Protein backbone atom coordinates (compact mmCIF):
# COMPACT_ATOMS: atom_id res chain seq x y z
CA MET A 1 26.45 -165.25 105.14
CA ALA A 2 23.24 -163.25 104.64
CA GLY A 3 21.78 -161.13 107.59
CA SER A 4 18.69 -162.43 109.58
CA LYS A 5 16.05 -160.13 108.36
CA GLU A 6 17.54 -161.13 105.18
CA ILE A 7 16.42 -164.65 105.52
CA ARG A 8 13.13 -164.04 106.97
CA THR A 9 12.54 -162.25 103.90
CA LYS A 10 13.50 -164.77 102.16
CA ILE A 11 11.46 -167.51 103.90
CA LYS A 12 8.17 -165.14 103.77
CA SER A 13 8.57 -165.31 100.32
CA VAL A 14 8.93 -168.91 99.74
CA GLU A 15 6.18 -169.95 102.14
CA ASN A 16 3.97 -166.74 99.74
CA THR A 17 5.18 -169.18 96.99
CA ARG A 18 4.14 -172.27 98.48
CA LYS A 19 0.28 -171.30 99.31
CA ILE A 20 -0.10 -170.36 95.73
CA THR A 21 1.32 -173.62 94.42
CA LYS A 22 -0.66 -175.74 97.00
CA ALA A 23 -3.83 -174.07 96.10
CA MET A 24 -3.47 -174.57 92.22
CA GLU A 25 -2.08 -178.00 92.79
CA MET A 26 -5.91 -178.13 94.84
CA VAL A 27 -7.72 -176.74 92.08
CA ALA A 28 -5.65 -178.45 88.88
CA ALA A 29 -6.67 -181.73 91.13
CA SER A 30 -10.29 -180.81 91.36
CA LYS A 31 -10.51 -179.89 87.61
CA MET A 32 -8.48 -182.98 86.25
CA ARG A 33 -11.37 -185.25 87.83
CA LYS A 34 -13.88 -183.02 85.20
CA ALA A 35 -12.33 -183.50 82.30
CA GLN A 36 -11.48 -187.27 83.15
CA ASP A 37 -15.05 -187.90 83.25
CA ARG A 38 -15.68 -185.84 80.26
CA MET A 39 -12.39 -187.67 77.88
CA ARG A 40 -14.38 -190.91 79.25
CA ALA A 41 -17.77 -189.87 78.25
CA SER A 42 -16.68 -188.55 74.72
CA ARG A 43 -15.02 -192.32 73.95
CA PRO A 44 -18.49 -194.50 73.73
CA TYR A 45 -19.44 -192.11 71.01
CA ALA A 46 -16.39 -191.28 69.47
CA GLU A 47 -16.03 -195.61 69.13
CA LYS A 48 -19.15 -196.09 67.37
CA ILE A 49 -18.71 -193.57 65.23
CA ARG A 50 -15.33 -195.24 64.60
CA ASN A 51 -17.26 -198.29 63.56
CA VAL A 52 -19.99 -197.07 61.36
CA ALA A 53 -17.00 -194.90 59.19
CA ALA A 54 -15.05 -198.73 59.41
CA HIS A 55 -17.87 -200.03 57.56
CA LEU A 56 -18.66 -197.36 55.55
CA SER A 57 -15.25 -197.49 54.15
CA LEU A 58 -15.69 -201.45 53.11
CA ALA A 59 -19.17 -200.70 51.77
CA HIS A 60 -19.82 -201.42 48.03
CA SER A 61 -21.54 -197.77 47.51
CA GLU A 62 -21.62 -195.98 44.10
CA TYR A 63 -20.14 -193.03 45.95
CA LYS A 64 -16.76 -192.81 47.61
CA HIS A 65 -16.16 -190.05 49.88
CA PRO A 66 -12.87 -188.00 49.05
CA PHE A 67 -11.52 -188.44 52.95
CA LEU A 68 -11.44 -192.60 52.11
CA LEU A 69 -9.36 -191.87 49.39
CA LYS A 70 -5.51 -191.88 49.06
CA ARG A 71 -3.11 -189.42 46.98
CA ASP A 72 -0.44 -191.10 45.94
CA ASN A 73 1.57 -187.89 45.00
CA VAL A 74 1.53 -185.79 48.80
CA LYS A 75 2.85 -182.78 48.37
CA ASN A 76 1.12 -180.43 50.69
CA VAL A 77 0.27 -181.98 54.37
CA GLY A 78 -1.74 -180.44 57.32
CA VAL A 79 -1.42 -180.18 60.40
CA ILE A 80 -3.48 -179.73 63.53
CA VAL A 81 -1.88 -178.62 66.73
CA VAL A 82 -3.33 -179.53 69.65
CA SER A 83 -1.93 -177.02 73.14
CA SER A 84 -2.98 -175.38 75.97
CA ASP A 85 -3.87 -171.65 76.62
CA LYS A 86 -2.00 -171.33 79.95
CA GLY A 87 1.08 -172.59 81.15
CA LEU A 88 2.54 -174.55 84.72
CA CYS A 89 2.23 -177.78 83.37
CA GLY A 90 5.57 -179.04 82.97
CA GLY A 91 6.78 -180.56 79.99
CA LEU A 92 3.07 -181.07 78.35
CA ASN A 93 3.40 -178.43 75.67
CA THR A 94 7.00 -178.69 75.19
CA ASN A 95 6.89 -181.86 74.43
CA VAL A 96 3.45 -182.02 71.47
CA LEU A 97 5.64 -178.92 69.85
CA ARG A 98 9.03 -180.96 70.11
CA LEU A 99 7.28 -183.76 68.28
CA THR A 100 5.76 -181.64 65.69
CA VAL A 101 8.79 -179.37 65.01
CA ASN A 102 10.49 -182.62 64.21
CA GLN A 103 7.89 -184.73 61.91
CA MET A 104 7.53 -181.02 60.33
CA LYS A 105 11.67 -180.90 59.55
CA SER A 106 11.17 -184.10 58.22
CA TRP A 107 8.42 -183.41 55.62
CA GLU A 108 10.04 -180.43 54.41
CA ALA A 109 13.42 -182.47 54.16
CA GLU A 110 11.36 -184.61 51.14
CA GLY A 111 10.10 -181.22 50.19
CA LYS A 112 6.53 -181.57 51.44
CA LYS A 113 4.67 -177.64 51.85
CA LEU A 114 3.00 -177.43 55.58
CA SER A 115 0.16 -175.81 56.70
CA VAL A 116 -0.93 -175.77 60.50
CA SER A 117 -3.88 -175.07 62.65
CA ALA A 118 -3.44 -174.63 65.83
CA ILE A 119 -5.74 -175.05 68.49
CA GLY A 120 -4.52 -173.47 72.19
CA ASN A 121 -2.80 -170.03 72.60
CA LYS A 122 0.61 -172.22 73.78
CA GLY A 123 0.64 -173.74 70.02
CA PHE A 124 -0.54 -170.62 68.14
CA THR A 125 2.24 -168.59 69.82
CA PHE A 126 4.95 -170.97 68.75
CA MET A 127 4.31 -172.08 65.34
CA ASN A 128 3.84 -168.02 65.13
CA ARG A 129 7.06 -167.39 66.54
CA VAL A 130 8.80 -170.42 64.26
CA GLY A 131 7.13 -168.69 61.07
CA ALA A 132 4.90 -171.63 60.14
CA ASN A 133 1.92 -170.91 57.59
CA VAL A 134 -1.00 -171.11 60.25
CA LYS A 135 -4.11 -170.89 58.51
CA SER A 136 -6.41 -171.34 61.72
CA HIS A 137 -6.27 -170.70 65.19
CA ILE A 138 -8.51 -170.88 68.40
CA THR A 139 -7.64 -170.00 71.46
CA GLY A 140 -9.45 -169.46 74.69
CA LEU A 141 -11.73 -172.54 74.78
CA GLY A 142 -11.38 -172.56 79.11
CA ASP A 143 -12.01 -175.46 81.06
CA VAL A 144 -14.62 -177.28 78.98
CA PRO A 145 -14.28 -177.74 75.35
CA HIS A 146 -16.88 -176.68 72.77
CA LEU A 147 -17.40 -178.79 69.63
CA ASP A 148 -19.38 -175.91 68.13
CA LYS A 149 -15.96 -173.25 68.79
CA LEU A 150 -13.79 -175.97 67.01
CA ILE A 151 -16.22 -176.74 63.86
CA GLY A 152 -14.56 -173.93 62.27
CA THR A 153 -10.93 -174.67 62.46
CA ILE A 154 -11.94 -177.59 61.77
CA LYS A 155 -13.55 -177.05 58.52
CA VAL A 156 -10.70 -174.79 57.19
CA MET A 157 -8.66 -177.44 57.11
CA LEU A 158 -11.17 -180.06 55.52
CA ASP A 159 -12.01 -177.63 52.84
CA ALA A 160 -8.15 -177.67 51.79
CA TYR A 161 -7.99 -180.95 51.69
CA THR A 162 -10.99 -181.15 49.59
CA ALA A 163 -9.82 -178.14 47.40
CA GLY A 164 -6.49 -180.11 47.11
CA GLU A 165 -4.42 -177.54 48.90
CA ILE A 166 -3.14 -180.31 51.33
CA ASP A 167 -3.26 -184.20 50.79
CA GLN A 168 -2.61 -185.29 54.11
CA LEU A 169 -3.91 -183.83 57.44
CA HIS A 170 -2.44 -184.51 60.80
CA ILE A 171 -3.48 -184.45 64.43
CA CYS A 172 -0.66 -183.43 67.03
CA TYR A 173 -2.25 -183.65 70.48
CA THR A 174 -0.86 -185.36 74.23
CA LYS A 175 -2.77 -188.56 74.91
CA PHE A 176 -4.35 -189.23 78.50
CA ILE A 177 -2.55 -192.74 79.79
CA ASN A 178 -2.75 -191.96 83.42
CA THR A 179 -2.55 -189.25 86.08
CA MET A 180 1.31 -189.66 86.20
CA LYS A 181 1.99 -190.24 82.69
CA GLN A 182 0.71 -188.40 79.30
CA GLU A 183 1.81 -189.17 75.94
CA PRO A 184 2.43 -186.52 73.08
CA VAL A 185 1.12 -188.51 70.24
CA MET A 186 0.59 -187.98 66.21
CA GLU A 187 -1.78 -189.43 64.26
CA GLN A 188 -3.14 -189.29 60.45
CA LEU A 189 -6.88 -188.22 60.26
CA LEU A 190 -7.00 -187.68 56.37
CA PRO A 191 -7.13 -189.63 54.18
CA LEU A 192 -8.69 -192.17 56.81
CA THR A 193 -7.46 -195.32 55.87
CA ALA A 194 -8.89 -198.88 56.74
CA GLU A 195 -5.80 -199.30 59.58
CA ARG A 196 -6.92 -195.84 61.19
CA LEU A 197 -10.61 -196.18 61.11
CA GLY A 198 -10.38 -200.26 62.59
CA THR A 199 -7.72 -199.45 65.62
CA HIS A 200 -9.23 -197.31 68.88
CA PRO A 201 -6.89 -194.38 69.75
CA THR A 202 -6.91 -194.96 73.92
CA THR A 203 -5.55 -197.85 75.27
CA GLU A 204 -6.99 -197.28 79.02
CA LYS A 205 -8.91 -200.41 79.41
CA SER A 206 -8.45 -204.67 78.21
CA GLU A 207 -11.69 -203.83 76.76
CA ALA A 208 -11.16 -201.55 74.79
CA LEU A 209 -8.25 -203.32 72.93
CA SER A 210 -10.43 -206.21 72.96
CA ALA A 211 -13.32 -204.13 71.56
CA SER A 212 -10.63 -203.03 69.05
CA ALA A 213 -9.74 -206.30 67.93
CA VAL A 214 -13.19 -207.68 67.18
CA VAL A 215 -13.66 -204.71 65.39
CA LYS A 216 -10.88 -205.21 62.75
CA SER A 217 -11.64 -208.89 62.71
CA ALA A 218 -14.75 -208.75 62.10
CA LEU A 219 -13.84 -205.77 59.09
CA GLU A 220 -11.58 -208.55 57.91
CA ILE A 221 -14.59 -211.18 57.86
CA GLY A 222 -16.83 -208.32 56.57
CA ALA A 223 -14.46 -207.75 53.78
CA ALA A 224 -13.72 -211.01 52.52
CA LYS A 225 -17.20 -211.57 52.76
CA GLY A 226 -18.22 -208.39 50.67
CA HIS A 227 -21.27 -207.75 53.10
CA TRP A 228 -20.84 -204.19 53.92
CA ASP A 229 -24.12 -203.26 52.25
CA TYR A 230 -26.30 -200.48 52.63
CA ILE A 231 -29.61 -198.40 51.50
CA TYR A 232 -29.07 -194.49 51.75
CA GLU A 233 -32.30 -192.23 52.04
CA PRO A 234 -32.42 -190.31 50.62
CA GLU A 235 -29.43 -190.86 48.47
CA ALA A 236 -25.69 -191.99 49.19
CA LYS A 237 -23.62 -188.67 48.77
CA PRO A 238 -25.58 -186.41 51.61
CA VAL A 239 -25.65 -189.26 54.09
CA ILE A 240 -21.45 -189.82 53.41
CA ASP A 241 -20.61 -186.61 53.36
CA GLN A 242 -22.50 -185.59 56.86
CA LEU A 243 -21.09 -188.75 58.22
CA MET A 244 -17.53 -188.44 57.54
CA VAL A 245 -17.15 -184.74 58.61
CA ARG A 246 -18.77 -185.74 61.94
CA TYR A 247 -16.31 -188.27 62.16
CA ILE A 248 -13.33 -185.82 61.90
CA GLU A 249 -15.08 -183.73 64.14
CA SER A 250 -15.70 -186.62 66.58
CA LEU A 251 -11.92 -186.81 66.48
CA VAL A 252 -10.78 -183.72 67.09
CA TYR A 253 -13.08 -182.63 70.41
CA ASN A 254 -11.57 -186.33 71.71
CA ALA A 255 -8.37 -185.26 71.11
CA VAL A 256 -8.71 -182.08 72.51
CA SER A 257 -10.32 -183.61 75.23
CA GLU A 258 -7.39 -185.89 76.13
CA ASN A 259 -5.44 -182.95 75.80
CA MET A 260 -7.44 -180.74 78.47
CA ALA A 261 -7.43 -184.04 80.84
CA SER A 262 -3.32 -184.49 80.19
CA GLU A 263 -3.02 -180.19 81.02
CA GLN A 264 -5.26 -180.53 84.50
CA SER A 265 -3.17 -183.92 85.14
CA SER A 266 0.22 -182.59 84.14
CA ARG A 267 -0.27 -178.96 86.41
CA MET A 268 -1.75 -180.88 89.58
CA VAL A 269 1.78 -182.67 89.45
CA ALA A 270 3.90 -179.99 88.49
CA MET A 271 2.33 -177.58 91.21
CA LYS A 272 2.93 -180.61 93.62
CA SER A 273 6.01 -180.64 92.79
CA ALA A 274 6.87 -176.72 93.16
CA SER A 275 5.11 -177.14 96.70
CA ASP A 276 7.41 -179.96 97.71
CA ASN A 277 10.53 -178.05 96.23
CA ALA A 278 9.28 -174.95 98.50
CA LYS A 279 8.92 -177.01 101.69
CA ASN A 280 12.69 -178.11 101.30
CA VAL A 281 13.82 -174.70 100.49
CA ILE A 282 12.19 -173.49 103.77
CA GLY A 283 13.53 -175.90 106.00
CA GLU A 284 16.88 -175.60 104.13
CA LEU A 285 16.57 -171.51 105.04
CA LYS A 286 15.48 -172.09 108.53
CA LEU A 287 18.31 -174.42 109.41
CA VAL A 288 21.06 -171.29 107.72
CA TYR A 289 18.50 -168.60 109.49
CA ASN A 290 19.74 -170.76 112.68
CA LYS A 291 23.12 -170.80 112.56
CA ALA A 292 23.10 -167.07 111.65
CA ARG A 293 21.04 -166.21 115.08
CA GLN A 294 23.23 -168.74 116.90
CA ALA A 295 26.44 -166.66 115.59
CA ALA A 296 25.07 -163.58 116.89
CA ILE A 297 24.13 -164.75 119.74
CA THR A 298 27.51 -166.55 120.86
CA LYS A 299 29.07 -163.22 118.98
CA GLU A 300 26.83 -161.05 121.28
CA ILE A 301 28.02 -163.01 124.73
CA SER A 302 32.17 -163.05 124.21
CA GLU A 303 31.55 -159.13 123.77
CA ILE A 304 30.02 -159.08 126.82
CA VAL A 305 32.60 -161.57 128.63
CA GLY A 306 35.37 -159.85 126.97
CA GLY A 307 33.94 -156.38 128.35
CA ALA A 308 33.63 -157.79 131.98
CA ALA A 309 36.94 -159.18 131.99
CA ALA A 310 38.61 -155.70 130.64
CA VAL A 311 36.52 -153.81 133.35
CA ALA A 312 37.13 -156.00 135.99
């Protein structure tokens, strides 16, 4: 059995660790609420531009954007991986990277070449470690996502798609379901399909689902009647080009916002679990310490009684 001094040192060490994890839990809880507010604030814009893009995909325009044209022979695939810059957030990054790697292996088995864009230090480090072809990356986003920082990373992949270097573009991130549940998902960004445009990516509220159903039915009716005609000023090409780029940027920004909210929720849960485990360890160590102390006292009493009996 370990000595009393050694056990006291362990108890003090675990208590200090518990103070750190408790503080990190409280900080993550505060950041989580702010991240969720930003995520919810970005959804109305994303939904509106999604509807406009959906209407545009069914319009009888003289100009069709390359993002709307499906490519029959897919040989090159691009993936945008969204992860966190910091750790201590449970299995958040592990799950999203596992999903990405499994899908990449499936594409490689089909003979497709892969290009990766990493958002977040964890994903960038991992992709370099596995030898992936990283075309662009950004790290150090902080706690608040800024679109102006993401545009450069996104533009590299969009330019590659426009130039024909990649035939499909996907994004992999962690979708926020609720505080206790976050789900890694992979979605196709390019080419844009009618199903992708008419489907809302989040399932937080039943209103969002019903709104998606209304949009989808409206799209089907509009497509049947052929009423999606627009008048462009000055002309169709610059308007559609700007709209499609903004649409993709809004999707990536929304994914980063979802991932940040998931990160703070996962970190809060992980730190709470660590604090609870530290509390249990402290209780067990104190029990061992008390047993060792009682054994030492019993031994001293036995020695005193034995010495007194020998003198007598």
